[in-house]
Amino acid sequence: MFLDQGFTAAGAVSIAGSRIGGSLSLVGAELAKPTALLAGGVHVGGQLEWAPRSPVRGLVDLEQATVHRLDDDWSHRDDKGRPTAHWPPAGQLRLQGFTYDGFGGDHQAPWRQRLDWIRRSHTTATATTPAAFAAQPYEQLARAYRQAGQETEARQVAIARRNDLRAYGSLTRPRKIGNWLLDKTIRHGYQPPRAVGLLVAVYVAVLLVFWGAQHQDGVILPAKDTKTITPGPTALHCSPGYPCFYPAGYAVDVVVPIINLRQAENWHPSGYASWGWAYIAVGWVATGLGWAFTTLAVAGYTGLVRKD
């Protein structure tokens, strides 16, 4: 079906529910507004060639449409110099249920521009009405990238889908906070090494803090009775019959919940020392962060967070 090369529509082009065995071409077409193209449920056995003559301002409905390949030309630039394929602006594009096997053409969009394309299908949010959000366009895009062997792009789209749920979806505040935390830590399960890196950062910080505490009199004290041990052990000097204090091992006990080097069983910061309460607080916070980052790392590596 050729609606191209000088084709000009005075009103809406409606081919909803049609079956086209070959291709559908809109190369050089001029489409109308407020409704440009109604192609919901259309089945195109070949490719959809999308390259209108000028930017489309009217509604383009591709919901539940199926094409073998999407060939859109991203060589054009908008008035701000950004690449565009003359797709309609935000709120005027309907992509829910739109499926395709891949992309074609000489001027294809990178994954970032494809995400901008999908985001145009979100209804503009107002103070009282949340933006409409559908996961299917993201899942379809990730599937197309994955089928083409572009795993990095598919992963980025999957991450963006979860972040856009926070931006455009109707999540409650606690779920938004949880979504944000998963994004900043392990990228929703797609980058679990980030949690390991955060765990290492906390460990290094705790190590430095308690290395400094070791060199202050009366801050780090034995946690067990040492009255019968002579001379009495201190954080800087070992005594026979009592474990020595090692800041590196103490930091492991505080930060990494699955490892026990028994340093925290034998030594603790004194709340009576100068700034002793601060060292106690550092230990509590570090333990909480250690549990959190360890749990996130395990969840990410085992796929408990990521659902594809």
Protein backbone atom coordinates (compact mmCIF):
# COMPACT_ATOMS: atom_id res chain seq x y z
CA MET A 1 0.00 0.00 0.00
CA PHE A 2 1.67 3.23 -1.14
CA LEU A 3 0.73 6.52 0.49
CA ASP A 4 3.94 8.19 -0.59
CA GLN A 5 5.72 10.62 -2.91
CA GLY A 6 3.34 13.54 -2.96
CA PHE A 7 0.45 11.91 -1.12
CA THR A 8 -1.39 14.55 0.87
CA ALA A 9 -4.20 13.75 3.28
CA ALA A 10 -6.95 16.30 3.89
CA GLY A 11 -8.22 14.28 6.85
CA ALA A 12 -7.42 11.20 8.87
CA VAL A 13 -6.02 8.15 7.07
CA SER A 14 -7.90 5.18 8.52
CA ILE A 15 -6.71 1.65 7.78
CA ALA A 16 -7.50 0.18 11.20
CA GLY A 17 -7.85 -3.60 11.18
CA SER A 18 -6.60 -3.95 7.60
CA ARG A 19 -4.36 -6.77 6.37
CA ILE A 20 -1.60 -5.74 3.98
CA GLY A 21 0.39 -8.59 2.54
CA GLY A 22 3.28 -6.42 1.34
CA SER A 23 4.58 -3.14 2.71
CA LEU A 24 2.98 0.08 3.86
CA SER A 25 4.86 3.14 2.62
CA LEU A 26 4.44 6.67 3.96
CA VAL A 27 7.65 8.06 2.43
CA GLY A 28 7.13 11.72 1.56
CA ALA A 29 3.50 11.74 2.69
CA GLU A 30 1.84 14.79 4.19
CA LEU A 31 -0.52 13.78 7.00
CA ALA A 32 -3.30 15.85 8.51
CA LYS A 33 -4.18 16.88 12.04
CA PRO A 34 -5.71 16.56 14.61
CA THR A 35 -5.79 12.91 13.52
CA ALA A 36 -3.11 11.73 11.09
CA LEU A 37 -3.15 7.92 10.96
CA LEU A 38 -5.50 5.36 12.45
CA ALA A 39 -3.81 1.99 11.99
CA GLY A 40 -4.83 0.15 15.13
CA GLY A 41 -4.84 -3.61 14.64
CA VAL A 42 -3.41 -3.41 11.12
CA HIS A 43 -1.29 -6.35 9.94
CA VAL A 44 1.57 -5.57 7.55
CA GLY A 45 3.36 -8.60 6.17
CA GLY A 46 6.31 -6.54 4.97
CA GLN A 47 7.76 -3.35 6.34
CA LEU A 48 6.25 -0.11 7.54
CA GLU A 49 8.17 2.68 5.81
CA TRP A 50 7.71 5.80 7.89
CA ALA A 51 9.25 8.98 6.45
CA PRO A 52 6.61 11.72 6.14
CA ARG A 53 7.49 14.87 4.25
CA SER A 54 7.20 17.08 7.34
CA PRO A 55 6.75 16.63 11.10
CA VAL A 56 3.42 14.99 11.92
CA ARG A 57 1.35 16.91 14.46
CA GLY A 58 -1.77 14.76 14.52
CA LEU A 59 -2.57 11.52 16.30
CA VAL A 60 -0.85 8.35 15.05
CA ASP A 61 -2.49 5.20 16.38
CA LEU A 62 -0.52 1.95 15.99
CA GLU A 63 -2.06 0.09 18.91
CA GLN A 64 -2.16 -3.69 18.39
CA ALA A 65 -0.62 -3.24 14.93
CA THR A 66 1.85 -5.80 13.62
CA VAL A 67 4.58 -5.25 11.04
CA HIS A 68 7.47 -7.41 9.95
CA ARG A 69 9.95 -4.55 10.07
CA LEU A 70 9.84 -0.89 11.03
CA ASP A 71 11.79 1.34 8.66
CA ASP A 72 11.75 4.95 9.89
CA ASP A 73 14.15 7.65 8.78
CA TRP A 74 15.94 9.43 11.66
CA SER A 75 18.12 11.62 9.45
CA HIS A 76 15.89 14.67 9.99
CA ARG A 77 16.48 17.22 12.77
CA ASP A 78 13.96 19.22 14.76
CA ASP A 79 14.25 22.95 15.49
CA LYS A 80 16.54 22.15 18.44
CA GLY A 81 18.90 20.06 16.35
CA ARG A 82 17.76 16.72 17.77
CA PRO A 83 17.33 13.72 15.46
CA THR A 84 13.71 13.01 14.61
CA ALA A 85 11.79 10.76 12.27
CA HIS A 86 8.78 13.09 12.07
CA TRP A 87 6.85 11.04 14.61
CA PRO A 88 4.16 13.05 16.40
CA PRO A 89 4.85 14.82 19.71
CA ALA A 90 4.19 13.44 23.18
CA GLY A 91 0.60 12.45 23.77
CA GLN A 92 -0.11 11.99 20.05
CA LEU A 93 1.47 8.56 19.54
CA ARG A 94 -0.17 5.25 20.48
CA LEU A 95 2.18 2.24 20.65
CA GLN A 96 0.49 -0.13 23.12
CA GLY A 97 0.51 -3.60 21.56
CA PHE A 98 2.53 -2.52 18.50
CA THR A 99 4.84 -5.38 17.49
CA TYR A 100 7.67 -5.70 14.98
CA ASP A 101 10.50 -8.11 14.31
CA GLY A 102 13.20 -5.50 13.87
CA PHE A 103 14.30 -2.26 12.28
CA GLY A 104 15.50 -1.36 8.81
CA GLY A 105 16.65 1.62 6.78
CA ASP A 106 19.86 3.58 6.43
CA HIS A 107 19.16 6.01 9.26
CA GLN A 108 18.18 3.98 12.29
CA ALA A 109 17.78 5.40 15.78
CA PRO A 110 20.09 4.38 18.64
CA TRP A 111 18.49 3.04 21.78
CA ARG A 112 18.31 6.43 23.50
CA GLN A 113 16.26 7.88 20.65
CA ARG A 114 14.07 4.78 20.59
CA LEU A 115 13.28 5.40 24.25
CA ASP A 116 12.33 8.98 23.44
CA TRP A 117 10.07 7.57 20.73
CA ILE A 118 8.35 5.29 23.23
CA ARG A 119 7.97 8.10 25.74
CA ARG A 120 5.99 10.08 23.19
CA SER A 121 3.23 7.53 23.70
CA HIS A 122 2.80 8.57 27.34
CA THR A 123 -0.09 10.91 28.00
CA THR A 124 1.19 14.19 29.40
CA ALA A 125 0.81 14.15 33.17
CA THR A 126 -1.11 16.78 35.11
CA ALA A 127 -1.24 17.53 38.78
CA THR A 128 -4.27 15.27 39.23
CA THR A 129 -3.98 12.69 36.48
CA PRO A 130 -0.97 10.35 36.36
CA ALA A 131 0.67 9.75 33.00
CA ALA A 132 -0.53 6.66 31.19
CA PHE A 133 2.16 3.99 31.26
CA ALA A 134 2.42 0.71 29.37
CA ALA A 135 5.29 -1.74 29.73
CA GLN A 136 4.67 -3.52 26.41
CA PRO A 137 6.41 -0.97 24.12
CA TYR A 138 9.58 -1.29 26.22
CA GLU A 139 9.38 -5.07 26.28
CA GLN A 140 8.85 -5.15 22.52
CA LEU A 141 11.85 -2.89 21.91
CA ALA A 142 14.07 -4.95 24.22
CA ARG A 143 12.91 -8.14 22.47
CA ALA A 144 13.78 -6.70 19.05
CA TYR A 145 17.27 -5.74 20.27
CA ARG A 146 17.77 -9.12 21.89
CA GLN A 147 16.75 -10.97 18.70
CA ALA A 148 19.30 -8.87 16.82
CA GLY A 149 22.03 -9.85 19.30
CA GLN A 150 22.19 -6.37 20.84
CA GLU A 151 22.17 -7.44 24.47
CA THR A 152 23.59 -4.15 25.81
CA GLU A 153 20.81 -2.15 24.17
CA ALA A 154 18.18 -4.61 25.39
CA ARG A 155 19.50 -4.27 28.95
CA GLN A 156 19.41 -0.46 28.80
CA VAL A 157 15.80 -0.54 27.59
CA ALA A 158 14.84 -2.93 30.40
CA ILE A 159 16.39 -0.57 32.96
CA ALA A 160 14.64 2.42 31.39
CA ARG A 161 11.28 0.64 31.57
CA ARG A 162 11.56 0.35 35.34
CA ASN A 163 12.75 3.95 35.73
CA ASP A 164 9.95 5.25 33.52
CA LEU A 165 7.45 3.38 35.63
CA ARG A 166 8.56 5.64 38.46
CA ALA A 167 8.37 8.75 36.27
CA TYR A 168 5.15 8.07 34.34
CA GLY A 169 3.36 5.35 36.28
CA SER A 170 1.00 5.59 39.23
CA LEU A 171 3.27 4.15 41.91
CA THR A 172 2.69 4.96 45.56
CA ARG A 173 5.39 6.96 47.33
CA PRO A 174 6.91 3.90 49.11
CA ARG A 175 7.10 2.01 45.80
CA LYS A 176 8.69 5.01 44.12
CA ILE A 177 11.33 5.11 46.84
CA GLY A 178 11.96 1.37 46.45
CA ASN A 179 12.19 1.76 42.67
CA TRP A 180 14.67 4.62 43.07
CA LEU A 181 16.84 2.62 45.48
CA LEU A 182 16.95 -0.37 43.14
CA ASP A 183 17.94 1.93 40.29
CA LYS A 184 20.75 3.67 42.17
CA THR A 185 22.17 0.48 43.63
CA ILE A 186 21.89 -2.44 41.20
CA ARG A 187 20.04 -0.92 38.23
CA HIS A 188 16.99 -3.08 38.96
CA GLY A 189 19.06 -6.27 39.03
CA TYR A 190 20.89 -5.72 35.74
CA GLN A 191 24.12 -4.45 37.33
CA PRO A 192 24.60 -6.31 40.65
CA PRO A 193 28.35 -5.45 40.79
CA ARG A 194 27.27 -1.91 41.72
CA ALA A 195 26.05 -3.23 45.09
CA VAL A 196 29.38 -5.00 45.59
CA GLY A 197 31.17 -1.74 44.83
CA LEU A 198 29.03 0.11 47.37
CA LEU A 199 29.76 -2.60 49.94
CA VAL A 200 33.50 -2.20 49.34
CA ALA A 201 33.17 1.58 49.69
CA VAL A 202 31.43 1.20 53.06
CA TYR A 203 34.10 -1.28 54.16
CA VAL A 204 36.94 1.11 53.30
CA ALA A 205 35.19 3.98 55.12
CA VAL A 206 34.69 1.85 58.26
CA LEU A 207 38.27 0.61 58.09
CA LEU A 208 39.59 4.19 58.05
CA VAL A 209 37.28 5.25 60.87
CA PHE A 210 38.30 2.43 63.20
CA TRP A 211 41.96 2.64 62.24
CA GLY A 212 41.76 6.20 63.56
CA ALA A 213 39.86 5.03 66.65
CA GLN A 214 42.59 2.46 67.32
CA HIS A 215 45.08 5.29 67.81
CA GLN A 216 42.94 7.15 70.35
CA ASP A 217 43.22 6.16 73.99
CA GLY A 218 40.18 4.53 75.52
CA VAL A 219 38.03 4.45 72.37
CA ILE A 220 38.36 0.77 71.43
CA LEU A 221 38.10 -1.49 74.48
CA PRO A 222 37.99 -5.27 75.04
CA ALA A 223 34.43 -6.59 75.00
CA LYS A 224 35.21 -9.40 77.44
CA ASP A 225 36.58 -9.55 80.98
CA THR A 226 40.36 -9.05 80.94
CA LYS A 227 41.03 -8.57 84.68
CA THR A 228 43.11 -11.73 84.87
CA ILE A 229 45.25 -10.81 81.86
CA THR A 230 48.50 -8.96 82.55
CA PRO A 231 49.37 -6.65 80.97
CA GLY A 232 45.81 -5.68 79.95
CA PRO A 233 45.19 -5.70 76.20
CA THR A 234 44.63 -2.45 74.33
CA ALA A 235 43.69 -1.69 70.76
CA LEU A 236 47.33 -0.82 69.99
CA HIS A 237 49.09 -3.51 72.06
CA CYS A 238 48.37 -7.22 72.11
CA SER A 239 48.48 -9.33 75.27
CA PRO A 240 48.97 -13.10 75.53
CA GLY A 241 45.66 -14.91 75.92
CA TYR A 242 43.47 -12.28 74.21
CA PRO A 243 42.88 -11.66 70.48
CA CYS A 244 44.60 -8.58 69.05
CA PHE A 245 42.57 -5.75 67.56
CA TYR A 246 42.79 -5.49 63.75
CA PRO A 247 40.86 -2.63 62.14
CA ALA A 248 40.65 -4.51 58.83
CA GLY A 249 39.09 -7.55 60.50
CA TYR A 250 36.81 -5.43 62.68
CA ALA A 251 35.52 -3.63 59.57
CA VAL A 252 34.74 -7.00 57.98
CA ASP A 253 32.71 -8.07 61.00
CA VAL A 254 30.81 -4.79 61.04
CA VAL A 255 30.10 -4.49 57.30
CA VAL A 256 29.90 -8.02 55.88
CA PRO A 257 27.14 -9.94 57.66
CA ILE A 258 28.01 -13.35 56.21
CA ILE A 259 31.60 -13.31 57.55
CA ASN A 260 32.56 -13.53 61.21
CA LEU A 261 36.20 -12.94 62.12
CA ARG A 262 35.27 -12.60 65.82
CA GLN A 263 36.76 -9.12 66.07
CA ALA A 264 33.41 -7.57 67.00
CA GLU A 265 32.95 -10.25 69.66
CA ASN A 266 36.18 -9.23 71.40
CA TRP A 267 36.34 -5.47 70.83
CA HIS A 268 33.88 -2.59 70.83
CA PRO A 269 33.92 1.22 70.89
CA SER A 270 33.36 2.78 74.28
CA GLY A 271 30.42 5.10 74.67
CA TYR A 272 32.23 6.87 77.51
CA ALA A 273 35.19 7.92 75.42
CA SER A 274 35.39 11.24 73.62
CA TRP A 275 33.18 10.92 70.54
CA GLY A 276 32.59 7.30 71.46
CA TRP A 277 28.91 7.60 70.59
CA ALA A 278 29.89 8.61 67.06
CA TYR A 279 31.94 5.43 66.60
CA ILE A 280 29.04 3.36 67.91
CA ALA A 281 26.69 5.08 65.45
CA VAL A 282 29.12 4.45 62.59
CA GLY A 283 29.10 0.76 63.45
CA TRP A 284 25.29 0.59 63.49
CA VAL A 285 24.91 2.45 60.21
CA ALA A 286 27.64 0.40 58.54
CA THR A 287 25.99 -2.85 59.64
CA GLY A 288 22.66 -1.73 58.22
CA LEU A 289 24.23 -0.70 54.93
CA GLY A 290 26.21 -3.93 54.83
CA TRP A 291 23.06 -6.02 55.16
CA ALA A 292 21.27 -3.92 52.55
CA PHE A 293 24.04 -4.00 49.92
CA THR A 294 24.77 -7.69 50.50
CA THR A 295 21.09 -8.54 50.08
CA LEU A 296 20.86 -6.45 46.91
CA ALA A 297 23.96 -8.07 45.45
CA VAL A 298 22.62 -11.57 46.13
CA ALA A 299 19.19 -10.63 44.75
CA GLY A 300 20.78 -9.18 41.63
CA TYR A 301 23.08 -12.11 40.91
CA THR A 302 20.33 -14.67 41.49
CA GLY A 303 17.77 -12.76 39.40
CA LEU A 304 15.30 -12.29 42.27
CA VAL A 305 14.90 -8.61 41.37
CA ARG A 306 15.13 -8.82 37.59
CA LYS A 307 12.02 -10.24 35.91
CA ASP A 308 12.13 -10.67 32.12
